[in-house]
C-alpha cells in the first residue's frame, strides 16, 4: 500500500509542478442546493459547512482548519449561484476559522476546500 501511495504522490506532485498550480489540493466543487452539508478533508486541511435557504437567500456556514505546519493556508472558497464570491483562510497548524456568508438572489452555492 505504501508503494502505491508514493506513486500517487509522485504523479500528483509532477502534475502540480507541470501545471504551475498555486492550489495543491481541492475538495469537490459541484454546486449544492439547500439543504446540504459537507465535511471534506485534503492533505493539510479540513473543513465542514452547511447550506441553508430562507426565501431567496442561501447561507453557507462552517469552519476551515489548517492541519499542517507549513507555509500554506487552508482556504474555503464559496461561489454563490448569483455570481458572488467569498473566501475564508486558516493559516498555521491547528488554526480553525469560522465563517458564515449569506447571499441574496440564489438557493445554491459552489463550495471548495483548497490549500494555497
Protein backbone atom coordinates (compact mmCIF):
# COMPACT_ATOMS: atom_id res chain seq x y z
CA UNK A 1 0.00 0.00 0.00
CA UNK A 2 2.89 2.35 0.80
CA UNK A 3 4.36 1.96 -2.70
CA UNK A 4 1.01 2.83 -4.28
CA UNK A 5 0.72 5.92 -2.08
CA UNK A 6 4.25 7.01 -3.08
CA UNK A 7 3.45 6.58 -6.78
CA UNK A 8 0.22 8.57 -6.46
CA UNK A 9 2.01 11.30 -4.51
CA UNK A 10 4.74 11.48 -7.16
CA UNK A 11 2.24 11.68 -10.01
CA UNK A 12 0.23 14.40 -8.26
CA UNK A 13 3.39 16.36 -7.42
CA UNK A 14 4.51 16.21 -11.05
CA UNK A 15 1.11 17.38 -12.25
CA UNK A 16 1.14 20.32 -9.85
CA UNK A 17 4.66 21.33 -10.87
CA UNK A 18 3.95 20.92 -14.59
CA UNK A 19 0.78 22.93 -14.39
CA UNK A 20 2.21 25.68 -12.22
CA UNK A 21 -0.81 25.45 -9.95
CA UNK A 22 -0.99 27.54 -6.78
CA UNK A 23 -3.57 25.22 -5.29
CA UNK A 24 -2.13 21.87 -4.26
CA UNK A 25 -5.38 20.08 -3.44
CA UNK A 26 -9.04 20.84 -3.64
CA UNK A 27 -12.23 19.27 -2.44
CA UNK A 28 -15.33 18.63 -4.51
CA UNK A 29 -16.63 21.67 -6.35
CA UNK A 30 -20.10 20.74 -7.54
CA UNK A 31 -22.85 23.24 -6.92
CA UNK A 32 -25.02 22.35 -3.93
CA UNK A 33 -28.58 23.38 -3.18
CA UNK A 34 -30.35 23.66 0.17
CA UNK A 35 -30.30 21.92 2.46
CA UNK A 36 -26.90 20.23 2.23
CA UNK A 37 -23.67 19.79 4.11
CA UNK A 38 -20.13 18.59 3.52
CA UNK A 39 -17.01 17.79 5.55
CA UNK A 40 -14.10 17.46 3.11
CA UNK A 41 -10.53 16.63 4.08
CA UNK A 42 -7.47 17.20 1.90
CA UNK A 43 -3.81 16.75 2.77
CA UNK A 44 -3.11 19.73 5.04
CA UNK A 45 -6.66 20.97 5.57
CA UNK A 46 -10.14 20.03 6.69
CA UNK A 47 -13.46 21.84 6.79
CA UNK A 48 -17.16 21.42 7.38
CA UNK A 49 -20.06 23.53 6.15
CA UNK A 50 -23.78 23.53 5.57
CA UNK A 51 -26.08 25.36 3.19
CA UNK A 52 -29.41 26.68 4.47
CA UNK A 53 -32.01 28.57 2.48
CA UNK A 54 -34.60 31.09 3.56
CA UNK A 55 -36.71 32.86 0.99
CA UNK A 56 -34.46 33.71 -1.95
CA UNK A 57 -31.22 33.60 0.10
CA UNK A 58 -28.62 30.93 0.82
CA UNK A 59 -26.37 30.89 3.89
CA UNK A 60 -23.12 28.92 3.83
CA UNK A 61 -21.75 28.47 7.35
CA UNK A 62 -19.00 26.34 8.82
CA UNK A 63 -15.30 26.25 9.60
CA UNK A 64 -11.93 25.66 7.93
CA UNK A 65 -8.81 24.30 9.66
CA UNK A 66 -5.13 24.19 8.68
CA UNK A 67 -3.76 20.76 9.65
CA UNK A 68 -0.13 21.01 8.61
CA UNK A 69 2.84 23.04 9.87
CA UNK A 70 3.98 24.58 6.59
CA UNK A 71 3.77 27.98 4.93
CA UNK A 72 0.43 27.24 3.24
CA UNK A 73 -3.10 28.04 4.40
CA UNK A 74 -6.35 26.10 4.29
CA UNK A 75 -8.90 28.04 2.24
CA UNK A 76 -12.64 27.67 1.70
CA UNK A 77 -13.90 29.35 -1.47
CA UNK A 78 -17.61 29.99 -1.89
CA UNK A 79 -19.13 30.89 -5.27
CA UNK A 80 -22.82 31.67 -4.92
CA UNK A 81 -25.29 30.82 -7.66
CA UNK A 82 -25.73 34.57 -8.27
CA UNK A 83 -22.02 35.16 -9.04
CA UNK A 84 -20.97 36.47 -5.61
CA UNK A 85 -17.68 35.16 -4.21
CA UNK A 86 -16.22 34.87 -0.68
CA UNK A 87 -13.18 33.15 0.87
CA UNK A 88 -12.06 32.24 4.37
CA UNK A 89 -8.50 31.19 5.26
CA UNK A 90 -6.93 29.45 8.25
CA UNK A 91 -3.14 29.69 8.46
CA UNK A 92 -0.93 27.79 10.90
CA UNK A 93 -1.23 24.19 12.01
CA UNK A 94 -4.26 23.74 14.26
CA UNK A 95 -5.78 27.13 13.44
CA UNK A 96 -9.54 26.92 12.83
CA UNK A 97 -11.60 29.79 11.46
CA UNK A 98 -15.40 30.05 11.48
CA UNK A 99 -17.36 31.57 8.58
CA UNK A 100 -20.94 32.42 7.69
CA UNK A 101 -21.88 34.05 4.40
CA UNK A 102 -25.39 34.88 3.19
CA UNK A 103 -26.09 35.53 -0.49
CA UNK A 104 -29.34 37.02 -1.80
CA UNK A 105 -30.93 36.02 -5.08
CA UNK A 106 -29.91 32.37 -5.10
CA UNK A 107 -30.55 28.99 -3.50
CA UNK A 108 -27.27 27.33 -4.44
CA UNK A 109 -23.53 27.70 -3.97
CA UNK A 110 -20.33 26.01 -5.01
CA UNK A 111 -18.00 25.49 -2.02
CA UNK A 112 -14.43 24.21 -2.25
CA UNK A 113 -11.68 23.42 0.24
CA UNK A 114 -8.13 24.04 -1.00
CA UNK A 115 -4.53 24.64 0.06
CA UNK A 116 -2.96 27.91 -1.01
